[in-house]
Amino acid sequence: MGYPYEDLDDSQFERLVVQCMRMLFGEGVQSFAAGPDGGRDARFDGTAARFPSTADPWTRITIGQAKHTNATNAHFSDSDFSGPGESSVLSEEIPRIRKLVADDELHNYILFSNRRLGGVTAPLITDRLAQETGLDRSRIFLAGVEYMDDTLHAHPDILRRARIDPIDGPLLVSSYELAEVILEIAKGLEASPPPDDAPVVDRVTYDEKNRVNGMTPEFAKLLRSRYLHETHRIGRFLADPANTDALRLYEGAVEEFQLKIVASRREYQSFDRLFNYLVDFLFKRDGALSRNRRLTRAMIFYMYWHCDIGETPDAQAQ
């Protein structure tokens, strides 16, 4: 079983990559602070200790990069990662690599990502990098989850040195149950009549709920204006006896979200940030949710509006 890289945050993954490189190249690998990296997360200048081999190590400047994703089952071949489109990760990275090569600041390049790397994809990406940056293809290496798992298995001390502690990890929620609900609701809403006015919900006032949870008035107003009318259709779908299975999945997702939110709430200054973090995480984690972005945001708002997630004054009183 491989390491759950998708459960790390970006900074944890970068620390892991730096320690992998220090094991492969030597203690002289330099890491960089968070922020724009100019195409590099780690830099080593000299002769590598053991990469790609002790008999023929890389020499001069090696630049390492870490490309992390919270998605499960991601691949180097995914179009948003290595596709020819201008917005793909690789397309945006190539000009930075080309500049470092032109400035004589890059002679070897190693790219780490928690994506699966197939035998067909690897030479295609390596050839593209070589052709578009001027690097010799023998000076380019792609490290996917298979290579990283082998490296961690051979050198388990890397995890300790990277200071990877699950307690310090990001707020993680399972996307499976929510994705199932979203897909069911998406099909159900296509066949449903236009929404009526949203019914009155027996709950604490919206303003009071926002005050207790630290949601700003501006953000609360925006959510309400955009998604309130969807809550009626979602509620009607979940209340339909024919959709009992979807309701059970919804209740499972709510339990998962609320427990994780309560445990991590203090890490977020406002519920605005927590809301945006949750939806961004879910989009990265699950393709079904990413393809239904508006409905996913509406569903998270539905959970909040119905006091299924977040604190409520009544709950405190009990």
Foldseek 3Di string as FASTA:
>chain_A
DFDLLLQFDPLLQLLLVQLLQCVFFNPQKDADDDDDPLLAGIKDAAWGCAVVHNVDTDHGIEGEEEDEFNAPAAACPPCLAQNPDCNRVVNVNLVSLLVCVVVVNHQAYEYEYQYDYDPVRFVVSLVVSCVRRVHDSVRYYYHYRVNSRVSCVVPVCSSVSSVDDSVPGDLDFDLVLVLVLLVVLVVVVVPDDQFDPQDDAPADDPVQLQVQQAADPVLSVVLCVQQVSVLRSSVVQLPPPVCVVNVVSLLVRLVRVQVSCVVCVVVDNHVSVVLVVVLVNSLRHDVSCVVVVSSSSNSVVSCSVNVSHGDGPVVVVD
